[in-house]
Amino acid sequence: MDLTSELNAKFPSIQIRTVQNFKKTKIIIHSNAFGLNLCYLNLFKNLTADLDISNHIKELHVWKTASSDGYSIFNNIHLYQSYVKQDVKEVTLIIHQQPTFSDGELEFLIELCSREFIQFIKANRFNIKSLNPKKILHLINTHLSRETLLALNKKSSLKPHHQMGLELLAQLLSCSRNQLNQRIKNINQQRTQIINELSLHSRCVQELVDHSNSSISTEKIWRS
């Protein structure tokens, strides 16, 4: 059973509506999908090309909940972002009537959407020279279903961890671990260079970097 069939089997109560001006339709990311949306946004900016939706039936699963007078997105986040970016006018909304979610339903959706995100990575090409492997891993390990990550590690003959490591990320991105390590090294070198340049013109930065007892590291300066 594919992911859409699983979704419809779990939430069979739907309505169909076709909108003629998609951008003007009130649609937001569901609050429980904010983390997944961050994962998509981070990878979207590293796509080598826009998603090819030319032959795709312009449909989108949306949710009608008690907390919003419009619609919310939980799954199909990649399609939503593509429709907005490519200014698709007419989209058929598959509306799931769901006033509230139980804990079990939320768990099901997060697990299903985590698998959907993994499929998105596998199906597309990304610019390895522009992405940040550590940031991507942090987002994935924070927001994706632990069960999904455990199953992926087992399938890839890696240790049965509930988190994704650099080796698994490299497999999904169809690149080598060495490529990701080199990218991390380049990012660290760029950051060090910027911090050094800042310290030449900022006494505060220089003192924070040079003071041996300072609890503020260059990494904390960078993050701030």
N, C-alpha and C. Protein backbone atom coordinates (compact mmCIF):
# COMPACT_ATOMS: atom_id res chain seq x y z
N MET A 1 0.85 -1.20 0.00
CA MET A 1 0.00 0.00 0.00
C MET A 1 0.88 1.25 0.00
N ASP A 2 0.62 2.20 -0.93
CA ASP A 2 1.42 3.41 -0.97
C ASP A 2 0.97 4.38 0.13
N LEU A 3 1.72 5.47 0.27
CA LEU A 3 1.45 6.39 1.38
C LEU A 3 0.08 7.05 1.27
N THR A 4 -0.32 7.41 0.05
CA THR A 4 -1.63 8.04 -0.13
C THR A 4 -2.75 7.09 0.25
N SER A 5 -2.61 5.83 -0.12
CA SER A 5 -3.62 4.84 0.23
C SER A 5 -3.69 4.64 1.74
N GLU A 6 -2.53 4.63 2.39
CA GLU A 6 -2.49 4.52 3.85
C GLU A 6 -3.21 5.69 4.50
N LEU A 7 -2.98 6.88 3.96
CA LEU A 7 -3.59 8.08 4.51
C LEU A 7 -5.11 8.04 4.36
N ASN A 8 -5.57 7.69 3.17
CA ASN A 8 -7.02 7.65 2.92
C ASN A 8 -7.71 6.55 3.72
N ALA A 9 -6.99 5.46 3.96
CA ALA A 9 -7.57 4.38 4.77
C ALA A 9 -7.72 4.81 6.22
N LYS A 10 -6.77 5.60 6.70
CA LYS A 10 -6.80 6.06 8.09
C LYS A 10 -7.80 7.20 8.28
N PHE A 11 -7.92 8.07 7.26
CA PHE A 11 -8.83 9.22 7.34
C PHE A 11 -9.73 9.22 6.10
N PRO A 12 -10.76 8.37 6.09
CA PRO A 12 -11.59 8.19 4.88
C PRO A 12 -12.59 9.32 4.62
N SER A 13 -12.85 10.16 5.60
CA SER A 13 -13.84 11.22 5.42
C SER A 13 -13.21 12.41 4.69
N ILE A 14 -13.53 12.57 3.40
CA ILE A 14 -12.94 13.63 2.59
C ILE A 14 -13.99 14.36 1.76
N GLN A 15 -13.65 15.55 1.34
CA GLN A 15 -14.40 16.32 0.36
C GLN A 15 -13.42 16.77 -0.72
N ILE A 16 -13.93 17.02 -1.92
CA ILE A 16 -13.10 17.45 -3.03
C ILE A 16 -13.52 18.86 -3.44
N ARG A 17 -12.51 19.73 -3.59
CA ARG A 17 -12.78 21.10 -4.03
C ARG A 17 -11.64 21.55 -4.93
N THR A 18 -11.97 22.11 -6.08
CA THR A 18 -10.96 22.64 -6.99
C THR A 18 -10.92 24.15 -6.87
N VAL A 19 -9.75 24.70 -6.58
CA VAL A 19 -9.58 26.15 -6.47
C VAL A 19 -8.89 26.68 -7.72
N GLN A 20 -9.30 27.84 -8.17
CA GLN A 20 -8.79 28.41 -9.41
C GLN A 20 -7.60 29.34 -9.19
N ASN A 21 -7.46 29.86 -7.98
CA ASN A 21 -6.33 30.73 -7.66
C ASN A 21 -5.70 30.22 -6.38
N PHE A 22 -4.78 29.29 -6.53
CA PHE A 22 -4.23 28.56 -5.39
C PHE A 22 -3.56 29.48 -4.38
N LYS A 23 -2.81 30.47 -4.84
CA LYS A 23 -2.06 31.34 -3.93
C LYS A 23 -2.97 32.13 -3.00
N LYS A 24 -4.19 32.38 -3.43
CA LYS A 24 -5.11 33.16 -2.61
C LYS A 24 -5.93 32.29 -1.66
N THR A 25 -5.76 30.99 -1.75
CA THR A 25 -6.46 30.09 -0.84
C THR A 25 -5.74 30.07 0.50
N LYS A 26 -6.49 30.21 1.58
CA LYS A 26 -5.88 30.28 2.91
C LYS A 26 -5.42 28.88 3.34
N ILE A 27 -4.12 28.66 3.23
CA ILE A 27 -3.53 27.37 3.60
C ILE A 27 -2.28 27.64 4.44
N ILE A 28 -2.17 26.98 5.57
CA ILE A 28 -0.99 27.13 6.43
C ILE A 28 -0.42 25.75 6.75
N ILE A 29 0.82 25.74 7.22
CA ILE A 29 1.43 24.49 7.68
C ILE A 29 0.83 24.15 9.04
N HIS A 30 0.40 22.92 9.21
CA HIS A 30 -0.16 22.48 10.49
C HIS A 30 0.91 22.63 11.58
N SER A 31 0.49 23.05 12.76
CA SER A 31 1.45 23.29 13.85
C SER A 31 2.29 22.06 14.18
N ASN A 32 1.72 20.86 14.03
CA ASN A 32 2.47 19.64 14.32
C ASN A 32 3.40 19.23 13.18
N ALA A 33 3.36 19.99 12.08
CA ALA A 33 4.23 19.69 10.94
C ALA A 33 5.28 20.78 10.72
N PHE A 34 5.40 21.73 11.65
CA PHE A 34 6.39 22.80 11.51
C PHE A 34 7.80 22.24 11.35
N GLY A 35 8.13 21.24 12.15
CA GLY A 35 9.47 20.66 12.08
C GLY A 35 9.74 20.01 10.75
N LEU A 36 8.77 19.26 10.24
CA LEU A 36 8.92 18.63 8.92
C LEU A 36 9.08 19.70 7.84
N ASN A 37 8.34 20.79 7.99
CA ASN A 37 8.45 21.88 7.02
C ASN A 37 9.86 22.47 7.01
N LEU A 38 10.48 22.60 8.19
CA LEU A 38 11.85 23.09 8.26
C LEU A 38 12.81 22.16 7.52
N CYS A 39 12.57 20.85 7.65
CA CYS A 39 13.40 19.87 6.94
C CYS A 39 13.30 20.07 5.43
N TYR A 40 12.06 20.24 4.95
CA TYR A 40 11.86 20.46 3.52
C TYR A 40 12.48 21.77 3.05
N LEU A 41 12.26 22.84 3.79
CA LEU A 41 12.79 24.15 3.39
C LEU A 41 14.31 24.11 3.27
N ASN A 42 14.96 23.42 4.21
CA ASN A 42 16.42 23.35 4.19
C ASN A 42 16.94 22.64 2.96
N LEU A 43 16.24 21.58 2.53
CA LEU A 43 16.69 20.85 1.35
C LEU A 43 16.21 21.51 0.05
N PHE A 44 15.07 22.18 0.09
CA PHE A 44 14.56 22.82 -1.12
C PHE A 44 15.57 23.83 -1.68
N LYS A 45 16.24 24.55 -0.80
CA LYS A 45 17.17 25.57 -1.28
C LYS A 45 18.43 24.96 -1.89
N ASN A 46 18.60 23.65 -1.73
CA ASN A 46 19.76 22.96 -2.29
C ASN A 46 19.41 22.05 -3.47
N LEU A 47 18.16 22.11 -3.93
CA LEU A 47 17.76 21.33 -5.10
C LEU A 47 18.54 21.80 -6.32
N THR A 48 18.96 20.87 -7.15
CA THR A 48 19.66 21.25 -8.38
C THR A 48 18.70 21.79 -9.42
N ALA A 49 17.41 21.47 -9.29
CA ALA A 49 16.38 21.96 -10.20
C ALA A 49 15.04 21.92 -9.49
N ASP A 50 14.09 22.76 -9.95
CA ASP A 50 12.76 22.72 -9.37
C ASP A 50 12.14 21.34 -9.56
N LEU A 51 11.26 20.97 -8.64
CA LEU A 51 10.56 19.70 -8.79
C LEU A 51 9.77 19.70 -10.10
N ASP A 52 9.86 18.60 -10.83
CA ASP A 52 9.12 18.48 -12.09
C ASP A 52 7.68 18.08 -11.77
N ILE A 53 6.78 19.04 -11.84
CA ILE A 53 5.36 18.77 -11.58
C ILE A 53 4.53 18.92 -12.85
N SER A 54 5.21 18.96 -14.00
CA SER A 54 4.51 19.20 -15.27
C SER A 54 3.49 18.12 -15.58
N ASN A 55 3.83 16.87 -15.26
CA ASN A 55 2.91 15.77 -15.55
C ASN A 55 2.19 15.28 -14.31
N HIS A 56 2.31 16.03 -13.25
CA HIS A 56 1.71 15.64 -11.98
C HIS A 56 0.28 16.15 -11.90
N ILE A 57 -0.66 15.30 -11.50
CA ILE A 57 -2.02 15.76 -11.25
C ILE A 57 -1.98 16.75 -10.09
N LYS A 58 -2.48 17.94 -10.31
CA LYS A 58 -2.36 19.00 -9.30
C LYS A 58 -3.38 18.78 -8.19
N GLU A 59 -3.01 17.92 -7.27
CA GLU A 59 -3.84 17.62 -6.10
C GLU A 59 -3.04 17.89 -4.84
N LEU A 60 -3.77 18.20 -3.78
CA LEU A 60 -3.11 18.44 -2.50
C LEU A 60 -4.03 18.01 -1.37
N HIS A 61 -3.49 17.19 -0.47
CA HIS A 61 -4.24 16.80 0.73
C HIS A 61 -4.15 17.94 1.75
N VAL A 62 -5.30 18.40 2.20
CA VAL A 62 -5.34 19.46 3.22
C VAL A 62 -6.26 19.01 4.34
N TRP A 63 -6.16 19.73 5.45
CA TRP A 63 -6.90 19.34 6.65
C TRP A 63 -7.76 20.49 7.12
N LYS A 64 -9.01 20.18 7.41
CA LYS A 64 -9.94 21.17 7.95
C LYS A 64 -10.08 20.88 9.44
N THR A 65 -9.50 21.75 10.25
CA THR A 65 -9.50 21.52 11.70
C THR A 65 -10.33 22.59 12.39
N ALA A 66 -10.59 22.35 13.65
CA ALA A 66 -11.41 23.29 14.42
C ALA A 66 -10.68 24.59 14.72
N SER A 67 -9.36 24.58 14.65
CA SER A 67 -8.57 25.74 15.06
C SER A 67 -8.33 26.74 13.93
N SER A 68 -8.82 26.48 12.72
CA SER A 68 -8.55 27.36 11.59
C SER A 68 -9.76 27.48 10.70
N ASP A 69 -9.97 28.69 10.14
CA ASP A 69 -11.07 28.86 9.21
C ASP A 69 -10.65 28.57 7.78
N GLY A 70 -9.36 28.28 7.59
CA GLY A 70 -8.88 27.88 6.28
C GLY A 70 -8.52 26.40 6.29
N TYR A 71 -7.39 26.07 5.67
CA TYR A 71 -6.93 24.69 5.61
C TYR A 71 -5.49 24.62 6.13
N SER A 72 -5.09 23.45 6.55
CA SER A 72 -3.71 23.26 6.98
C SER A 72 -3.09 22.10 6.21
N ILE A 73 -1.77 22.16 6.08
CA ILE A 73 -0.98 21.12 5.39
C ILE A 73 -0.27 20.28 6.43
N PHE A 74 -0.35 18.99 6.29
CA PHE A 74 0.42 18.10 7.16
C PHE A 74 1.36 17.25 6.30
N ASN A 75 0.81 16.61 5.31
CA ASN A 75 1.62 15.84 4.36
C ASN A 75 1.68 16.60 3.03
N ASN A 76 2.37 16.04 2.05
CA ASN A 76 2.51 16.68 0.72
C ASN A 76 3.15 18.07 0.80
N ILE A 77 4.00 18.29 1.81
CA ILE A 77 4.59 19.61 1.98
C ILE A 77 5.44 20.00 0.76
N HIS A 78 6.12 19.03 0.18
CA HIS A 78 6.96 19.31 -0.99
C HIS A 78 6.11 19.77 -2.18
N LEU A 79 4.91 19.19 -2.33
CA LEU A 79 4.03 19.62 -3.41
C LEU A 79 3.50 21.02 -3.15
N TYR A 80 3.12 21.28 -1.93
CA TYR A 80 2.62 22.62 -1.56
C TYR A 80 3.67 23.68 -1.89
N GLN A 81 4.92 23.45 -1.48
CA GLN A 81 5.97 24.42 -1.73
C GLN A 81 6.22 24.59 -3.23
N SER A 82 6.14 23.49 -3.98
CA SER A 82 6.35 23.56 -5.43
C SER A 82 5.23 24.31 -6.12
N TYR A 83 3.99 24.06 -5.71
CA TYR A 83 2.85 24.76 -6.31
C TYR A 83 2.96 26.26 -6.08
N VAL A 84 3.36 26.67 -4.89
CA VAL A 84 3.51 28.09 -4.58
C VAL A 84 4.65 28.70 -5.38
N LYS A 85 5.79 28.03 -5.39
CA LYS A 85 6.97 28.57 -6.08
C LYS A 85 6.74 28.67 -7.57
N GLN A 86 6.10 27.66 -8.17
CA GLN A 86 5.90 27.63 -9.61
C GLN A 86 4.58 28.28 -10.03
N ASP A 87 3.91 28.90 -9.06
CA ASP A 87 2.69 29.68 -9.31
C ASP A 87 1.63 28.87 -10.05
N VAL A 88 1.34 27.69 -9.54
CA VAL A 88 0.26 26.88 -10.11
C VAL A 88 -1.07 27.53 -9.76
N LYS A 89 -1.94 27.65 -10.74
CA LYS A 89 -3.21 28.35 -10.54
C LYS A 89 -4.30 27.42 -10.01
N GLU A 90 -4.52 26.31 -10.69
CA GLU A 90 -5.64 25.44 -10.37
C GLU A 90 -5.16 24.17 -9.66
N VAL A 91 -5.68 23.94 -8.48
CA VAL A 91 -5.30 22.77 -7.68
C VAL A 91 -6.57 22.16 -7.09
N THR A 92 -6.63 20.84 -7.13
CA THR A 92 -7.75 20.13 -6.50
C THR A 92 -7.38 19.80 -5.07
N LEU A 93 -8.16 20.27 -4.14
CA LEU A 93 -7.93 20.02 -2.72
C LEU A 93 -8.69 18.78 -2.28
N ILE A 94 -7.96 17.85 -1.70
CA ILE A 94 -8.58 16.68 -1.07
C ILE A 94 -8.67 17.01 0.41
N ILE A 95 -9.86 17.35 0.85
CA ILE A 95 -10.06 17.92 2.18
C ILE A 95 -10.42 16.83 3.19
N HIS A 96 -9.54 16.65 4.16
CA HIS A 96 -9.80 15.70 5.24
C HIS A 96 -10.50 16.45 6.37
N GLN A 97 -11.71 16.02 6.69
CA GLN A 97 -12.48 16.64 7.76
C GLN A 97 -12.02 16.06 9.10
N GLN A 98 -11.19 16.83 9.81
CA GLN A 98 -10.61 16.31 11.04
C GLN A 98 -10.54 17.42 12.08
N PRO A 99 -11.58 17.58 12.89
CA PRO A 99 -11.59 18.67 13.88
C PRO A 99 -10.40 18.62 14.84
N THR A 100 -10.07 17.43 15.32
CA THR A 100 -8.92 17.27 16.23
C THR A 100 -8.22 15.96 15.90
N PHE A 101 -6.98 15.84 16.40
CA PHE A 101 -6.21 14.61 16.23
C PHE A 101 -5.99 13.97 17.59
N SER A 102 -6.15 12.66 17.64
CA SER A 102 -5.76 11.93 18.85
C SER A 102 -4.25 11.74 18.84
N ASP A 103 -3.68 11.33 19.96
CA ASP A 103 -2.23 11.08 20.03
C ASP A 103 -1.83 10.01 19.01
N GLY A 104 -2.65 8.97 18.88
CA GLY A 104 -2.35 7.90 17.94
C GLY A 104 -2.39 8.37 16.50
N GLU A 105 -3.34 9.26 16.18
CA GLU A 105 -3.43 9.79 14.82
C GLU A 105 -2.25 10.69 14.50
N LEU A 106 -1.84 11.49 15.47
CA LEU A 106 -0.66 12.34 15.26
C LEU A 106 0.59 11.50 15.04
N GLU A 107 0.74 10.45 15.83
CA GLU A 107 1.88 9.55 15.68
C GLU A 107 1.89 8.92 14.29
N PHE A 108 0.70 8.50 13.84
CA PHE A 108 0.58 7.90 12.50
C PHE A 108 1.00 8.91 11.43
N LEU A 109 0.51 10.14 11.53
CA LEU A 109 0.80 11.15 10.52
C LEU A 109 2.28 11.51 10.48
N ILE A 110 2.88 11.67 11.64
CA ILE A 110 4.30 12.04 11.68
C ILE A 110 5.16 10.91 11.09
N GLU A 111 4.78 9.66 11.38
CA GLU A 111 5.53 8.53 10.83
C GLU A 111 5.35 8.46 9.31
N LEU A 112 4.12 8.64 8.84
CA LEU A 112 3.85 8.60 7.40
C LEU A 112 4.57 9.75 6.68
N CYS A 113 4.50 10.94 7.26
CA CYS A 113 5.14 12.10 6.64
C CYS A 113 6.67 12.00 6.70
N SER A 114 7.20 11.31 7.69
CA SER A 114 8.64 11.07 7.76
C SER A 114 9.08 10.18 6.59
N ARG A 115 8.30 9.15 6.32
CA ARG A 115 8.61 8.29 5.18
C ARG A 115 8.46 9.05 3.86
N GLU A 116 7.50 9.95 3.81
CA GLU A 116 7.31 10.78 2.62
C GLU A 116 8.52 11.68 2.40
N PHE A 117 9.07 12.21 3.48
CA PHE A 117 10.25 13.06 3.37
C PHE A 117 11.45 12.27 2.86
N ILE A 118 11.61 11.05 3.35
CA ILE A 118 12.71 10.20 2.89
C ILE A 118 12.57 9.91 1.40
N GLN A 119 11.35 9.64 0.94
CA GLN A 119 11.10 9.42 -0.48
C GLN A 119 11.48 10.67 -1.29
N PHE A 120 11.18 11.84 -0.74
CA PHE A 120 11.53 13.10 -1.40
C PHE A 120 13.04 13.22 -1.60
N ILE A 121 13.81 12.87 -0.57
CA ILE A 121 15.27 12.93 -0.70
C ILE A 121 15.75 11.97 -1.78
N LYS A 122 15.24 10.76 -1.76
CA LYS A 122 15.69 9.74 -2.71
C LYS A 122 15.34 10.10 -4.15
N ALA A 123 14.24 10.80 -4.34
CA ALA A 123 13.73 11.06 -5.69
C ALA A 123 14.33 12.29 -6.35
N ASN A 124 15.12 13.07 -5.60
CA ASN A 124 15.62 14.33 -6.15
C ASN A 124 17.13 14.45 -6.00
N ARG A 125 17.68 15.39 -6.75
CA ARG A 125 19.12 15.64 -6.72
C ARG A 125 19.39 16.96 -6.01
N PHE A 126 20.46 16.96 -5.20
CA PHE A 126 20.79 18.14 -4.41
C PHE A 126 22.25 18.53 -4.64
N ASN A 127 22.50 19.82 -4.51
CA ASN A 127 23.85 20.35 -4.68
C ASN A 127 24.64 20.11 -3.39
N ILE A 128 25.50 19.13 -3.41
CA ILE A 128 26.27 18.77 -2.21
C ILE A 128 27.18 19.91 -1.78
N LYS A 129 27.61 20.73 -2.73
CA LYS A 129 28.56 21.81 -2.43
C LYS A 129 27.91 23.01 -1.74
N SER A 130 26.57 23.00 -1.64
CA SER A 130 25.92 24.13 -1.00
C SER A 130 25.16 23.76 0.28
N LEU A 131 24.93 22.48 0.48
CA LEU A 131 24.16 22.09 1.68
C LEU A 131 25.04 22.00 2.92
N ASN A 132 24.37 21.99 4.06
CA ASN A 132 25.05 21.90 5.36
C ASN A 132 24.68 20.56 5.99
N PRO A 133 25.54 19.54 5.89
CA PRO A 133 25.19 18.20 6.38
C PRO A 133 24.83 18.16 7.85
N LYS A 134 25.56 18.90 8.70
CA LYS A 134 25.28 18.88 10.14
C LYS A 134 23.90 19.46 10.44
N LYS A 135 23.54 20.54 9.76
CA LYS A 135 22.24 21.15 9.98
C LYS A 135 21.11 20.23 9.53
N ILE A 136 21.31 19.59 8.37
CA ILE A 136 20.30 18.67 7.86
C ILE A 136 20.11 17.50 8.82
N LEU A 137 21.21 16.94 9.30
CA LEU A 137 21.11 15.83 10.25
C LEU A 137 20.41 16.26 11.53
N HIS A 138 20.71 17.46 12.01
CA HIS A 138 20.07 17.95 13.23
C HIS A 138 18.55 18.06 13.03
N LEU A 139 18.14 18.62 11.91
CA LEU A 139 16.71 18.77 11.63
C LEU A 139 16.02 17.41 11.50
N ILE A 140 16.65 16.51 10.78
CA ILE A 140 16.07 15.18 10.58
C ILE A 140 15.93 14.44 11.90
N ASN A 141 16.99 14.45 12.70
CA ASN A 141 16.98 13.71 13.97
C ASN A 141 16.08 14.36 15.02
N THR A 142 15.76 15.63 14.82
CA THR A 142 14.87 16.33 15.75
C THR A 142 13.40 16.12 15.39
N HIS A 143 13.10 16.09 14.10
CA HIS A 143 11.70 16.18 13.69
C HIS A 143 11.12 14.93 13.02
N LEU A 144 11.95 14.04 12.51
CA LEU A 144 11.41 12.84 11.88
C LEU A 144 11.10 11.76 12.91
N SER A 145 10.21 10.88 12.53
CA SER A 145 9.83 9.77 13.40
C SER A 145 11.03 8.89 13.72
N ARG A 146 11.20 8.58 15.00
CA ARG A 146 12.31 7.71 15.42
C ARG A 146 12.15 6.30 14.82
N GLU A 147 10.90 5.86 14.68
CA GLU A 147 10.65 4.54 14.11
C GLU A 147 11.08 4.49 12.64
N THR A 148 10.84 5.58 11.92
CA THR A 148 11.25 5.65 10.52
C THR A 148 12.77 5.59 10.40
N LEU A 149 13.47 6.32 11.25
CA LEU A 149 14.94 6.33 11.21
C LEU A 149 15.51 4.97 11.62
N LEU A 150 14.89 4.33 12.60
CA LEU A 150 15.34 2.99 13.01
C LEU A 150 15.19 2.01 11.86
N ALA A 151 14.04 2.04 11.17
CA ALA A 151 13.81 1.13 10.04
C ALA A 151 14.80 1.38 8.91
N LEU A 152 15.13 2.66 8.67
CA LEU A 152 16.09 2.99 7.62
C LEU A 152 17.48 2.47 7.94
N ASN A 153 17.90 2.63 9.18
CA ASN A 153 19.21 2.13 9.59
C ASN A 153 19.30 0.62 9.44
N LYS A 154 18.24 -0.08 9.83
CA LYS A 154 18.23 -1.53 9.71
C LYS A 154 18.27 -1.97 8.25
N LYS A 155 17.49 -1.29 7.41
CA LYS A 155 17.43 -1.63 5.99
C LYS A 155 18.76 -1.39 5.31
N SER A 156 19.50 -0.41 5.79
CA SER A 156 20.80 -0.06 5.19
C SER A 156 21.95 -0.84 5.81
N SER A 157 21.60 -1.84 6.64
CA SER A 157 22.60 -2.69 7.31
C SER A 157 23.51 -1.89 8.23
N LEU A 158 22.99 -0.79 8.76
CA LEU A 158 23.73 -0.01 9.74
C LEU A 158 23.27 -0.39 11.14
N LYS A 159 23.91 0.16 12.15
CA LYS A 159 23.53 -0.15 13.52
C LYS A 159 22.08 0.29 13.77
N PRO A 160 21.34 -0.46 14.59
CA PRO A 160 19.92 -0.14 14.82
C PRO A 160 19.73 1.09 15.71
N HIS A 161 20.08 2.26 15.16
CA HIS A 161 19.95 3.51 15.89
C HIS A 161 18.64 4.20 15.53
N HIS A 162 18.16 5.03 16.45
CA HIS A 162 16.96 5.82 16.19
C HIS A 162 17.31 7.19 15.62
N GLN A 163 18.57 7.38 15.23
CA GLN A 163 18.99 8.64 14.64
C GLN A 163 19.73 8.37 13.35
N MET A 164 19.70 9.37 12.47
CA MET A 164 20.43 9.25 11.20
C MET A 164 21.85 9.74 11.38
N GLY A 165 22.80 9.01 10.81
CA GLY A 165 24.19 9.41 10.83
C GLY A 165 24.64 9.86 9.45
N LEU A 166 25.89 10.27 9.37
CA LEU A 166 26.43 10.81 8.12
C LEU A 166 26.43 9.75 7.01
N GLU A 167 26.70 8.49 7.38
CA GLU A 167 26.74 7.42 6.38
C GLU A 167 25.38 7.22 5.71
N LEU A 168 24.31 7.20 6.52
CA LEU A 168 22.97 7.01 5.97
C LEU A 168 22.55 8.22 5.14
N LEU A 169 22.86 9.42 5.62
CA LEU A 169 22.54 10.62 4.84
C LEU A 169 23.22 10.59 3.48
N ALA A 170 24.48 10.16 3.45
CA ALA A 170 25.20 10.06 2.18
C ALA A 170 24.51 9.08 1.24
N GLN A 171 24.05 7.95 1.76
CA GLN A 171 23.34 6.98 0.94
C GLN A 171 22.08 7.58 0.32
N LEU A 172 21.32 8.30 1.12
CA LEU A 172 20.07 8.90 0.64
C LEU A 172 20.34 9.97 -0.42
N LEU A 173 21.44 10.71 -0.25
CA LEU A 173 21.77 11.78 -1.19
C LEU A 173 22.55 11.28 -2.40
N SER A 174 22.82 9.98 -2.45
CA SER A 174 23.57 9.37 -3.55
C SER A 174 24.95 10.00 -3.71
N CYS A 175 25.62 10.20 -2.58
CA CYS A 175 26.98 10.70 -2.60
C CYS A 175 27.79 9.88 -1.60
N SER A 176 29.06 10.23 -1.44
CA SER A 176 29.90 9.49 -0.50
C SER A 176 29.97 10.23 0.83
N ARG A 177 30.31 9.48 1.87
CA ARG A 177 30.51 10.10 3.18
C ARG A 177 31.66 11.08 3.13
N ASN A 178 32.69 10.77 2.33
CA ASN A 178 33.84 11.67 2.21
C ASN A 178 33.43 13.02 1.65
N GLN A 179 32.46 13.02 0.71
CA GLN A 179 31.98 14.28 0.16
C GLN A 179 31.32 15.14 1.24
N LEU A 180 30.52 14.49 2.09
CA LEU A 180 29.86 15.23 3.16
C LEU A 180 30.88 15.71 4.19
N ASN A 181 31.86 14.87 4.50
CA ASN A 181 32.91 15.28 5.44
C ASN A 181 33.69 16.48 4.90
N GLN A 182 33.97 16.47 3.60
CA GLN A 182 34.69 17.58 2.99
C GLN A 182 33.85 18.86 3.05
N ARG A 183 32.54 18.70 2.85
CA ARG A 183 31.65 19.87 2.93
C ARG A 183 31.64 20.44 4.35
N ILE A 184 31.60 19.56 5.35
CA ILE A 184 31.64 20.01 6.75
C ILE A 184 32.97 20.73 7.03
N LYS A 185 34.04 20.18 6.52
CA LYS A 185 35.36 20.80 6.70
C LYS A 185 35.40 22.19 6.08
N ASN A 186 34.84 22.32 4.87
CA ASN A 186 34.82 23.62 4.20
C ASN A 186 34.00 24.64 4.97
N ILE A 187 32.86 24.20 5.51
CA ILE A 187 32.01 25.11 6.30
C ILE A 187 32.76 25.59 7.54
N ASN A 188 33.44 24.67 8.22
CA ASN A 188 34.19 25.03 9.42
C ASN A 188 35.32 26.02 9.10
N GLN A 189 35.98 25.80 7.97
CA GLN A 189 37.05 26.71 7.56
C GLN A 189 36.51 28.11 7.25
N GLN A 190 35.36 28.15 6.58
CA GLN A 190 34.74 29.44 6.26
C GLN A 190 34.34 30.18 7.53
N ARG A 191 33.80 29.43 8.50
CA ARG A 191 33.38 30.05 9.76
C ARG A 191 34.59 30.59 10.52
N THR A 192 35.65 29.80 10.56
CA THR A 192 36.85 30.23 11.26
C THR A 192 37.42 31.49 10.64
N GLN A 193 37.41 31.54 9.31
CA GLN A 193 37.93 32.72 8.62
C GLN A 193 37.09 33.96 8.94
N ILE A 194 35.77 33.79 8.96
CA ILE A 194 34.89 34.92 9.26
C ILE A 194 35.09 35.41 10.70
N ILE A 195 35.18 34.44 11.64
CA ILE A 195 35.41 34.81 13.04
C ILE A 195 36.74 35.55 13.20
N ASN A 196 37.77 35.07 12.50
CA ASN A 196 39.08 35.73 12.58
C ASN A 196 39.02 37.15 12.03
N GLU A 197 38.28 37.32 10.94
CA GLU A 197 38.14 38.66 10.35
C GLU A 197 37.36 39.58 11.28
N LEU A 198 36.34 39.04 11.92
CA LEU A 198 35.56 39.85 12.86
C LEU A 198 36.42 40.28 14.06
N SER A 199 37.28 39.36 14.50
CA SER A 199 38.10 39.68 15.68
C SER A 199 39.09 40.80 15.41
N LEU A 200 39.42 41.04 14.13
CA LEU A 200 40.33 42.12 13.77
C LEU A 200 39.67 43.49 13.95
N HIS A 201 38.35 43.51 13.90
CA HIS A 201 37.63 44.78 13.94
C HIS A 201 36.72 44.92 15.15
N SER A 202 36.62 43.85 15.92
CA SER A 202 35.74 43.90 17.09
C SER A 202 36.50 43.43 18.32
N ARG A 203 36.70 44.36 19.29
CA ARG A 203 37.40 43.99 20.51
C ARG A 203 36.61 42.94 21.29
N CYS A 204 35.28 43.04 21.24
CA CYS A 204 34.42 42.08 21.95
C CYS A 204 34.64 40.66 21.41
N VAL A 205 34.62 40.53 20.09
CA VAL A 205 34.83 39.21 19.49
C VAL A 205 36.22 38.70 19.80
N GLN A 206 37.22 39.58 19.71
CA GLN A 206 38.60 39.18 19.98
C GLN A 206 38.75 38.67 21.41
N GLU A 207 38.16 39.37 22.37
CA GLU A 207 38.26 38.94 23.76
C GLU A 207 37.56 37.61 24.00
N LEU A 208 36.40 37.42 23.36
CA LEU A 208 35.66 36.17 23.53
C LEU A 208 36.41 35.00 22.93
N VAL A 209 37.07 35.23 21.80
CA VAL A 209 37.82 34.16 21.15
C VAL A 209 39.10 33.83 21.89
N ASP A 210 39.79 34.88 22.37
CA ASP A 210 41.12 34.68 22.96
C ASP A 210 41.09 34.32 24.44
N HIS A 211 40.02 34.69 25.14
CA HIS A 211 39.98 34.48 26.58
C HIS A 211 39.84 32.98 26.88
N SER A 212 40.82 32.42 27.53
CA SER A 212 40.86 30.97 27.76
C SER A 212 39.74 30.49 28.68
N ASN A 213 39.25 31.37 29.57
CA ASN A 213 38.22 30.97 30.53
C ASN A 213 36.80 31.30 30.05
N SER A 214 36.70 31.84 28.86
CA SER A 214 35.39 32.24 28.36
C SER A 214 34.53 31.02 28.06
N SER A 215 33.28 31.10 28.48
CA SER A 215 32.34 29.99 28.21
C SER A 215 31.70 30.14 26.84
N ILE A 216 32.00 31.25 26.14
CA ILE A 216 31.42 31.48 24.82
C ILE A 216 32.44 31.07 23.76
N SER A 217 32.11 30.06 23.01
CA SER A 217 33.00 29.55 21.97
C SER A 217 32.71 30.26 20.65
N THR A 218 33.60 30.05 19.69
CA THR A 218 33.36 30.61 18.35
C THR A 218 32.10 30.04 17.73
N GLU A 219 31.79 28.80 18.08
CA GLU A 219 30.55 28.17 17.57
C GLU A 219 29.32 28.90 18.11
N LYS A 220 29.37 29.29 19.39
CA LYS A 220 28.25 30.02 19.98
C LYS A 220 28.13 31.41 19.36
N ILE A 221 29.27 32.03 19.08
CA ILE A 221 29.25 33.33 18.43
C ILE A 221 28.59 33.21 17.07
N TRP A 222 28.97 32.17 16.34
CA TRP A 222 28.44 31.96 15.00
C TRP A 222 26.92 31.73 15.05
N ARG A 223 26.48 30.90 15.97
CA ARG A 223 25.05 30.59 16.08
C ARG A 223 24.23 31.82 16.45
N SER A 224 24.83 32.72 17.24
CA SER A 224 24.10 33.91 17.66
C SER A 224 23.94 34.90 16.53
